[in-house]
Each structure stands twice: as C-alpha cells, then as structure tokens.
PDB file of N, CA and C in Angstrom:
ATOM      1  N   UNK A   1       6.100  17.847 -12.289  1.00  0.00           N
ATOM      2  CA  UNK A   1       6.244  16.409 -12.078  1.00  0.00           C
ATOM      3  C   UNK A   1       6.058  15.723 -13.427  1.00  0.00           C
ATOM      4  N   UNK A   2       6.972  14.770 -13.734  1.00  0.00           N
ATOM      5  CA  UNK A   2       6.901  14.014 -14.932  1.00  0.00           C
ATOM      6  C   UNK A   2       5.644  13.088 -14.899  1.00  0.00           C
ATOM      7  N   UNK A   3       5.082  12.802 -16.065  1.00  0.00           N
ATOM      8  CA  UNK A   3       3.908  11.961 -16.139  1.00  0.00           C
ATOM      9  C   UNK A   3       4.178  10.570 -15.520  1.00  0.00           C
ATOM     10  N   UNK A   4       5.292   9.954 -15.903  1.00  0.00           N
ATOM     11  CA  UNK A   4       5.617   8.606 -15.445  1.00  0.00           C
ATOM     12  C   UNK A   4       6.788   8.682 -14.483  1.00  0.00           C
ATOM     13  N   UNK A   5       6.580   8.054 -13.317  1.00  0.00           N
ATOM     14  CA  UNK A   5       7.604   8.060 -12.271  1.00  0.00           C
ATOM     15  C   UNK A   5       7.980   6.602 -11.984  1.00  0.00           C
ATOM     16  N   UNK A   6       9.247   6.254 -11.990  1.00  0.00           N
ATOM     17  CA  UNK A   6       9.645   4.892 -11.722  1.00  0.00           C
ATOM     18  C   UNK A   6       9.402   4.612 -10.231  1.00  0.00           C
ATOM     19  N   UNK A   7       8.975   3.338  -9.936  1.00  0.00           N
ATOM     20  CA  UNK A   7       8.780   2.942  -8.524  1.00  0.00           C
ATOM     21  C   UNK A   7      10.177   2.962  -7.848  1.00  0.00           C
ATOM     22  N   UNK A   8      10.178   3.351  -6.608  1.00  0.00           N
ATOM     23  CA  UNK A   8      11.482   3.530  -5.921  1.00  0.00           C
ATOM     24  C   UNK A   8      12.016   2.250  -5.365  1.00  0.00           C
ATOM     25  N   UNK A   9      11.220   1.189  -5.263  1.00  0.00           N
ATOM     26  CA  UNK A   9      11.700  -0.069  -4.738  1.00  0.00           C
ATOM     27  C   UNK A   9      12.693  -0.848  -5.605  1.00  0.00           C
ATOM     28  N   UNK A  10      12.808  -0.424  -6.824  1.00  0.00           N
ATOM     29  CA  UNK A  10      13.670  -1.129  -7.765  1.00  0.00           C
ATOM     30  C   UNK A  10      14.703  -0.141  -8.282  1.00  0.00           C
ATOM     31  N   UNK A  11      16.012  -0.400  -7.956  1.00  0.00           N
ATOM     32  CA  UNK A  11      17.027   0.500  -8.343  1.00  0.00           C
ATOM     33  C   UNK A  11      17.758  -0.031  -9.586  1.00  0.00           C
ATOM     34  N   UNK A  12      17.413   0.570 -10.728  1.00  0.00           N
ATOM     35  CA  UNK A  12      18.033   0.136 -11.994  1.00  0.00           C
ATOM     36  C   UNK A  12      18.176   1.349 -12.932  1.00  0.00           C
ATOM     37  N   UNK A  13      19.044   1.203 -13.951  1.00  0.00           N
ATOM     38  CA  UNK A  13      19.275   2.354 -14.812  1.00  0.00           C
ATOM     39  C   UNK A  13      18.117   2.580 -15.810  1.00  0.00           C
ATOM     40  N   UNK A  14      17.422   1.464 -16.187  1.00  0.00           N
ATOM     41  CA  UNK A  14      16.287   1.565 -17.099  1.00  0.00           C
ATOM     42  C   UNK A  14      15.070   1.014 -16.400  1.00  0.00           C
ATOM     43  N   UNK A  15      14.267   1.871 -15.753  1.00  0.00           N
ATOM     44  CA  UNK A  15      13.096   1.363 -15.019  1.00  0.00           C
ATOM     45  C   UNK A  15      12.044   0.728 -15.958  1.00  0.00           C
ATOM     46  N   UNK A  16      11.441  -0.341 -15.451  1.00  0.00           N
ATOM     47  CA  UNK A  16      10.388  -0.964 -16.252  1.00  0.00           C
ATOM     48  C   UNK A  16       9.050  -0.884 -15.534  1.00  0.00           C
ATOM     49  N   UNK A  17       9.060  -0.574 -14.249  1.00  0.00           N
ATOM     50  CA  UNK A  17       7.805  -0.383 -13.554  1.00  0.00           C
ATOM     51  C   UNK A  17       7.624   1.092 -13.241  1.00  0.00           C
ATOM     52  N   UNK A  18       6.560   1.648 -13.777  1.00  0.00           N
ATOM     53  CA  UNK A  18       6.375   3.082 -13.696  1.00  0.00           C
ATOM     54  C   UNK A  18       4.976   3.395 -13.113  1.00  0.00           C
ATOM     55  N   UNK A  19       4.875   4.550 -12.468  1.00  0.00           N
ATOM     56  CA  UNK A  19       3.585   5.013 -11.953  1.00  0.00           C
ATOM     57  C   UNK A  19       3.117   6.117 -12.806  1.00  0.00           C
ATOM     58  N   UNK A  20       1.885   6.060 -13.273  1.00  0.00           N
ATOM     59  CA  UNK A  20       1.272   7.151 -14.095  1.00  0.00           C
ATOM     60  C   UNK A  20       0.780   8.186 -13.096  1.00  0.00           C
ATOM     61  N   UNK A  21       1.529   9.285 -12.975  1.00  0.00           N
ATOM     62  CA  UNK A  21       1.179  10.346 -11.983  1.00  0.00           C
ATOM     63  C   UNK A  21      -0.075  11.059 -12.346  1.00  0.00           C
ATOM     64  N   UNK A  22      -0.623  10.852 -13.546  1.00  0.00           N
ATOM     65  CA  UNK A  22      -1.890  11.498 -13.971  1.00  0.00           C
ATOM     66  C   UNK A  22      -3.033  10.574 -13.911  1.00  0.00           C
ATOM     67  N   UNK A  23      -2.848   9.342 -13.397  1.00  0.00           N
ATOM     68  CA  UNK A  23      -3.930   8.428 -13.342  1.00  0.00           C
ATOM     69  C   UNK A  23      -4.975   8.953 -12.356  1.00  0.00           C
ATOM     70  N   UNK A  24      -6.202   8.557 -12.417  1.00  0.00           N
ATOM     71  CA  UNK A  24      -7.246   9.043 -11.479  1.00  0.00           C
ATOM     72  C   UNK A  24      -6.850   8.663 -10.045  1.00  0.00           C
ATOM     73  N   UNK A  25      -7.157   9.571  -9.106  1.00  0.00           N
ATOM     74  CA  UNK A  25      -6.793   9.410  -7.682  1.00  0.00           C
ATOM     75  C   UNK A  25      -7.358   8.064  -7.117  1.00  0.00           C
ATOM     76  N   UNK A  26      -8.586   7.731  -7.507  1.00  0.00           N
ATOM     77  CA  UNK A  26      -9.107   6.479  -6.923  1.00  0.00           C
ATOM     78  C   UNK A  26      -8.336   5.257  -7.416  1.00  0.00           C
ATOM     79  N   UNK A  27      -7.832   5.295  -8.639  1.00  0.00           N
ATOM     80  CA  UNK A  27      -7.071   4.157  -9.159  1.00  0.00           C
ATOM     81  C   UNK A  27      -5.697   4.133  -8.420  1.00  0.00           C
ATOM     82  N   UNK A  28      -5.053   5.245  -8.266  1.00  0.00           N
ATOM     83  CA  UNK A  28      -3.783   5.289  -7.525  1.00  0.00           C
ATOM     84  C   UNK A  28      -3.995   4.803  -6.119  1.00  0.00           C
ATOM     85  N   UNK A  29      -5.019   5.293  -5.481  1.00  0.00           N
ATOM     86  CA  UNK A  29      -5.336   4.895  -4.109  1.00  0.00           C
ATOM     87  C   UNK A  29      -5.558   3.392  -3.954  1.00  0.00           C
ATOM     88  N   UNK A  30      -6.379   2.845  -4.829  1.00  0.00           N
ATOM     89  CA  UNK A  30      -6.683   1.399  -4.747  1.00  0.00           C
ATOM     90  C   UNK A  30      -5.425   0.557  -4.983  1.00  0.00           C
ATOM     91  N   UNK A  31      -4.582   0.998  -5.908  1.00  0.00           N
ATOM     92  CA  UNK A  31      -3.371   0.287  -6.142  1.00  0.00           C
ATOM     93  C   UNK A  31      -2.450   0.270  -4.961  1.00  0.00           C
ATOM     94  N   UNK A  32      -2.300   1.439  -4.330  1.00  0.00           N
ATOM     95  CA  UNK A  32      -1.456   1.581  -3.113  1.00  0.00           C
ATOM     96  C   UNK A  32      -2.079   0.724  -1.978  1.00  0.00           C
ATOM     97  N   UNK A  33      -3.405   0.807  -1.804  1.00  0.00           N
ATOM     98  CA  UNK A  33      -4.074   0.076  -0.752  1.00  0.00           C
ATOM     99  C   UNK A  33      -3.875  -1.407  -0.893  1.00  0.00           C
ATOM    100  N   UNK A  34      -3.934  -1.889  -2.174  1.00  0.00           N
ATOM    101  CA  UNK A  34      -3.774  -3.354  -2.436  1.00  0.00           C
ATOM    102  C   UNK A  34      -2.369  -3.788  -2.051  1.00  0.00           C
ATOM    103  N   UNK A  35      -1.368  -2.938  -2.419  1.00  0.00           N
ATOM    104  CA  UNK A  35       0.032  -3.321  -2.077  1.00  0.00           C
ATOM    105  C   UNK A  35       0.206  -3.364  -0.574  1.00  0.00           C
ATOM    106  N   UNK A  36      -0.342  -2.379   0.116  1.00  0.00           N
ATOM    107  CA  UNK A  36      -0.184  -2.325   1.585  1.00  0.00           C
ATOM    108  C   UNK A  36      -0.935  -3.463   2.273  1.00  0.00           C
ATOM    109  N   UNK A  37      -2.081  -3.826   1.804  1.00  0.00           N
ATOM    110  CA  UNK A  37      -2.843  -4.951   2.333  1.00  0.00           C
ATOM    111  C   UNK A  37      -2.062  -6.255   2.118  1.00  0.00           C
ATOM    112  N   UNK A  38      -1.488  -6.452   1.033  1.00  0.00           N
ATOM    113  CA  UNK A  38      -0.667  -7.659   0.742  1.00  0.00           C
ATOM    114  C   UNK A  38       0.487  -7.781   1.687  1.00  0.00           C
ATOM    115  N   UNK A  39       1.170  -6.691   1.883  1.00  0.00           N
ATOM    116  CA  UNK A  39       2.350  -6.728   2.842  1.00  0.00           C
ATOM    117  C   UNK A  39       1.861  -6.957   4.236  1.00  0.00           C
ATOM    118  N   UNK A  40       0.742  -6.376   4.599  1.00  0.00           N
ATOM    119  CA  UNK A  40       0.156  -6.578   5.977  1.00  0.00           C
ATOM    120  C   UNK A  40      -0.195  -8.047   6.148  1.00  0.00           C
ATOM    121  N   UNK A  41      -0.839  -8.678   5.144  1.00  0.00           N
ATOM    122  CA  UNK A  41      -1.193 -10.076   5.308  1.00  0.00           C
ATOM    123  C   UNK A  41       0.058 -10.935   5.413  1.00  0.00           C
ATOM    124  N   UNK A  42       1.079 -10.676   4.704  1.00  0.00           N
ATOM    125  CA  UNK A  42       2.326 -11.485   4.807  1.00  0.00           C
ATOM    126  C   UNK A  42       2.920 -11.278   6.248  1.00  0.00           C
ATOM    127  N   UNK A  43       2.917 -10.028   6.723  1.00  0.00           N
ATOM    128  CA  UNK A  43       3.463  -9.789   8.042  1.00  0.00           C
ATOM    129  C   UNK A  43       2.610 -10.448   9.144  1.00  0.00           C
ATOM    130  N   UNK A  44       1.303 -10.505   8.918  1.00  0.00           N
ATOM    131  CA  UNK A  44       0.416 -11.202   9.848  1.00  0.00           C
ATOM    132  C   UNK A  44       0.764 -12.668   9.949  1.00  0.00           C
ATOM    133  N   UNK A  45       1.136 -13.260   8.859  1.00  0.00           N
ATOM    134  CA  UNK A  45       1.497 -14.705   8.882  1.00  0.00           C
ATOM    135  C   UNK A  45       2.770 -14.887   9.696  1.00  0.00           C
ATOM    136  N   UNK A  46       3.712 -13.961   9.581  1.00  0.00           N
ATOM    137  CA  UNK A  46       4.920 -14.011  10.430  1.00  0.00           C
ATOM    138  C   UNK A  46       4.562 -13.813  11.903  1.00  0.00           C
ATOM    139  N   UNK A  47       3.648 -12.897  12.148  1.00  0.00           N
ATOM    140  CA  UNK A  47       3.229 -12.626  13.524  1.00  0.00           C
ATOM    141  C   UNK A  47       2.611 -13.790  14.229  1.00  0.00           C
ATOM    142  N   UNK A  48       1.895 -14.620  13.422  1.00  0.00           N
ATOM    143  CA  UNK A  48       1.217 -15.757  14.049  1.00  0.00           C
ATOM    144  C   UNK A  48       2.133 -16.947  14.276  1.00  0.00           C
ATOM    145  N   UNK A  49       3.345 -16.856  13.822  1.00  0.00           N
ATOM    146  CA  UNK A  49       4.285 -17.940  14.070  1.00  0.00           C
ATOM    147  C   UNK A  49       5.023 -17.693  15.385  1.00  0.00           C
ATOM    148  N   UNK A  50       5.759 -18.655  15.806  1.00  0.00           N
ATOM    149  CA  UNK A  50       6.543 -18.524  17.041  1.00  0.00           C
ATOM    150  C   UNK A  50       8.002 -18.196  16.627  1.00  0.00           C
ATOM    151  N   UNK A  51       8.652 -17.358  17.374  1.00  0.00           N
ATOM    152  CA  UNK A  51      10.037 -17.042  17.043  1.00  0.00           C
ATOM    153  C   UNK A  51      10.450 -15.702  17.516  1.00  0.00           C
ATOM    154  N   UNK A  52      11.641 -15.354  17.367  1.00  0.00           N
ATOM    155  CA  UNK A  52      12.176 -14.067  17.826  1.00  0.00           C
ATOM    156  C   UNK A  52      11.553 -12.870  17.196  1.00  0.00           C
ATOM    157  N   UNK A  53      11.245 -13.007  15.861  1.00  0.00           N
ATOM    158  CA  UNK A  53      10.747 -11.876  15.087  1.00  0.00           C
ATOM    159  C   UNK A  53       9.180 -11.734  15.132  1.00  0.00           C
ATOM    160  N   UNK A  54       8.547 -12.734  15.706  1.00  0.00           N
ATOM    161  CA  UNK A  54       7.079 -12.705  15.725  1.00  0.00           C
ATOM    162  C   UNK A  54       6.548 -11.548  16.519  1.00  0.00           C
ATOM    163  N   UNK A  55       7.189 -11.230  17.677  1.00  0.00           N
ATOM    164  CA  UNK A  55       6.699 -10.094  18.465  1.00  0.00           C
ATOM    165  C   UNK A  55       6.807  -8.789  17.764  1.00  0.00           C
ATOM    166  N   UNK A  56       7.929  -8.555  17.085  1.00  0.00           N
ATOM    167  CA  UNK A  56       8.101  -7.358  16.264  1.00  0.00           C
ATOM    168  C   UNK A  56       7.077  -7.313  15.146  1.00  0.00           C
ATOM    169  N   UNK A  57       6.833  -8.444  14.493  1.00  0.00           N
ATOM    170  CA  UNK A  57       5.844  -8.508  13.432  1.00  0.00           C
ATOM    171  C   UNK A  57       4.493  -8.148  13.985  1.00  0.00           C
ATOM    172  N   UNK A  58       4.096  -8.578  15.172  1.00  0.00           N
ATOM    173  CA  UNK A  58       2.803  -8.279  15.782  1.00  0.00           C
ATOM    174  C   UNK A  58       2.644  -6.753  15.971  1.00  0.00           C
ATOM    175  N   UNK A  59       3.731  -6.140  16.463  1.00  0.00           N
ATOM    176  CA  UNK A  59       3.678  -4.676  16.654  1.00  0.00           C
ATOM    177  C   UNK A  59       3.539  -3.941  15.324  1.00  0.00           C
ATOM    178  N   UNK A  60       4.265  -4.366  14.307  1.00  0.00           N
ATOM    179  CA  UNK A  60       4.139  -3.732  13.009  1.00  0.00           C
ATOM    180  C   UNK A  60       2.826  -3.929  12.345  1.00  0.00           C
ATOM    181  N   UNK A  61       2.215  -5.132  12.583  1.00  0.00           N
ATOM    182  CA  UNK A  61       0.861  -5.363  12.038  1.00  0.00           C
ATOM    183  C   UNK A  61      -0.098  -4.382  12.551  1.00  0.00           C
ATOM    184  N   UNK A  62      -0.050  -4.051  13.825  1.00  0.00           N
ATOM    185  CA  UNK A  62      -1.001  -3.075  14.369  1.00  0.00           C
ATOM    186  C   UNK A  62      -0.984  -1.771  13.604  1.00  0.00           C
ATOM    187  N   UNK A  63       0.210  -1.222  13.341  1.00  0.00           N
ATOM    188  CA  UNK A  63       0.301   0.037  12.620  1.00  0.00           C
ATOM    189  C   UNK A  63      -0.213  -0.076  11.160  1.00  0.00           C
ATOM    190  N   UNK A  64       0.211  -1.229  10.545  1.00  0.00           N
ATOM    191  CA  UNK A  64      -0.272  -1.484   9.186  1.00  0.00           C
ATOM    192  C   UNK A  64      -1.743  -1.610   9.070  1.00  0.00           C
ATOM    193  N   UNK A  65      -2.357  -2.354   9.980  1.00  0.00           N
ATOM    194  CA  UNK A  65      -3.797  -2.533  10.014  1.00  0.00           C
ATOM    195  C   UNK A  65      -4.525  -1.178  10.169  1.00  0.00           C
ATOM    196  N   UNK A  66      -4.012  -0.362  11.071  1.00  0.00           N
ATOM    197  CA  UNK A  66      -4.594   1.002  11.259  1.00  0.00           C
ATOM    198  C   UNK A  66      -4.461   1.797   9.964  1.00  0.00           C
ATOM    199  N   UNK A  67      -3.322   1.700   9.310  1.00  0.00           N
ATOM    200  CA  UNK A  67      -3.105   2.393   8.022  1.00  0.00           C
ATOM    201  C   UNK A  67      -4.080   1.854   6.952  1.00  0.00           C
ATOM    202  N   UNK A  68      -4.316   0.569   6.937  1.00  0.00           N
ATOM    203  CA  UNK A  68      -5.265  -0.023   5.985  1.00  0.00           C
ATOM    204  C   UNK A  68      -6.668   0.516   6.249  1.00  0.00           C
ATOM    205  N   UNK A  69      -7.020   0.557   7.509  1.00  0.00           N
ATOM    206  CA  UNK A  69      -8.368   1.137   7.864  1.00  0.00           C
ATOM    207  C   UNK A  69      -8.504   2.560   7.386  1.00  0.00           C
ATOM    208  N   UNK A  70      -7.473   3.380   7.583  1.00  0.00           N
ATOM    209  CA  UNK A  70      -7.468   4.744   7.105  1.00  0.00           C
ATOM    210  C   UNK A  70      -7.536   4.821   5.591  1.00  0.00           C
ATOM    211  N   UNK A  71      -6.784   3.989   4.980  1.00  0.00           N
ATOM    212  CA  UNK A  71      -6.850   3.973   3.455  1.00  0.00           C
ATOM    213  C   UNK A  71      -8.271   3.590   2.952  1.00  0.00           C
ATOM    214  N   UNK A  72      -8.952   2.672   3.680  1.00  0.00           N
ATOM    215  CA  UNK A  72     -10.320   2.316   3.297  1.00  0.00           C
ATOM    216  C   UNK A  72     -11.232   3.521   3.362  1.00  0.00           C
ATOM    217  N   UNK A  73     -11.081   4.313   4.425  1.00  0.00           N
ATOM    218  CA  UNK A  73     -11.924   5.501   4.589  1.00  0.00           C
ATOM    219  C   UNK A  73     -11.628   6.507   3.467  1.00  0.00           C
ATOM    220  N   UNK A  74     -10.352   6.708   3.184  1.00  0.00           N
ATOM    221  CA  UNK A  74      -9.995   7.643   2.103  1.00  0.00           C
ATOM    222  C   UNK A  74     -10.563   7.112   0.775  1.00  0.00           C
ATOM    223  N   UNK A  75     -10.483   5.829   0.510  1.00  0.00           N
ATOM    224  CA  UNK A  75     -10.990   5.256  -0.718  1.00  0.00           C
ATOM    225  C   UNK A  75     -12.526   5.432  -0.844  1.00  0.00           C
ATOM    226  N   UNK A  76     -13.249   5.256   0.229  1.00  0.00           N
ATOM    227  CA  UNK A  76     -14.687   5.438   0.174  1.00  0.00           C
ATOM    228  C   UNK A  76     -15.036   6.903  -0.093  1.00  0.00           C
ATOM    229  N   UNK A  77     -14.269   7.840   0.520  1.00  0.00           N
ATOM    230  CA  UNK A  77     -14.576   9.234   0.284  1.00  0.00           C
ATOM    231  C   UNK A  77     -14.193   9.659  -1.136  1.00  0.00           C
ATOM    232  N   UNK A  78     -13.088   9.137  -1.643  1.00  0.00           N
ATOM    233  CA  UNK A  78     -12.728   9.390  -3.092  1.00  0.00           C
ATOM    234  C   UNK A  78     -13.801   8.904  -3.999  1.00  0.00           C
ATOM    235  N   UNK A  79     -14.221   7.697  -3.806  1.00  0.00           N
ATOM    236  CA  UNK A  79     -15.284   7.098  -4.699  1.00  0.00           C
ATOM    237  C   UNK A  79     -16.600   7.935  -4.549  1.00  0.00           C
ATOM    238  N   UNK A  80     -16.862   8.412  -3.328  1.00  0.00           N
ATOM    239  CA  UNK A  80     -18.055   9.227  -3.156  1.00  0.00           C
ATOM    240  C   UNK A  80     -17.984  10.552  -3.864  1.00  0.00           C
ATOM    241  N   UNK A  81     -16.812  11.131  -3.915  1.00  0.00           N
ATOM    242  CA  UNK A  81     -16.614  12.398  -4.662  1.00  0.00           C
ATOM    243  C   UNK A  81     -16.698  12.208  -6.139  1.00  0.00           C
ATOM    244  N   UNK A  82     -16.248  11.053  -6.623  1.00  0.00           N
ATOM    245  CA  UNK A  82     -16.280  10.780  -8.032  1.00  0.00           C
ATOM    246  C   UNK A  82     -17.681  10.467  -8.523  1.00  0.00           C
ATOM    247  N   UNK A  83     -18.500   9.826  -7.662  1.00  0.00           N
ATOM    248  CA  UNK A  83     -19.880   9.499  -8.090  1.00  0.00           C
ATOM    249  C   UNK A  83     -20.856  10.693  -7.894  1.00  0.00           C
ATOM    250  N   UNK A  84     -20.450  11.713  -7.166  1.00  0.00           N
ATOM    251  CA  UNK A  84     -21.319  12.861  -6.890  1.00  0.00           C
ATOM    252  C   UNK A  84     -21.318  13.815  -8.086  1.00  0.00           C
TER     253      UNK A  84
END
C-alpha cells in the first residue's frame, strides 16, 4: 500500500486531499469518526423537517447513529491500547 492515498470522494487527475496510510490508528479513527458524525448531524436536520425525504432520512440516521456508537467504542479501545 502506498503511504499516501487520495480520498475517493473527489475524482480528479491530480489529487490534493490525501490520507496518510501510516498515520497512527487513533488519528485515522478520530478523523473518520468526525466525518461520519458531521454527515449524521446533517442528515438528522433533514430528518427533523417535513417532506418526502424526511422518512428516508430518519431511517438512515438510525444506522449512522449506531455506526457512530460503534466507532466511539473502537476509539476508546484504541486509546486504551495506546496508553497501556
């Protein structure tokens, strides 16, 4: 695996956003968790509105919230391993 991997969300010939694949696991985890929490919060705001897509947003928020909870557990365990 190359040290620097371009993020897949941006399709361009010269990537400017890269992931350091050798960064500490707790740093990679916290960055991923932050991005997922941000998307979850945005989707929650859609879910609280009225409209055709709000029901779908509510269903998606449940899965994302569960994923955030799981990421929190993994993060605590990673930090515990690093401090031991």
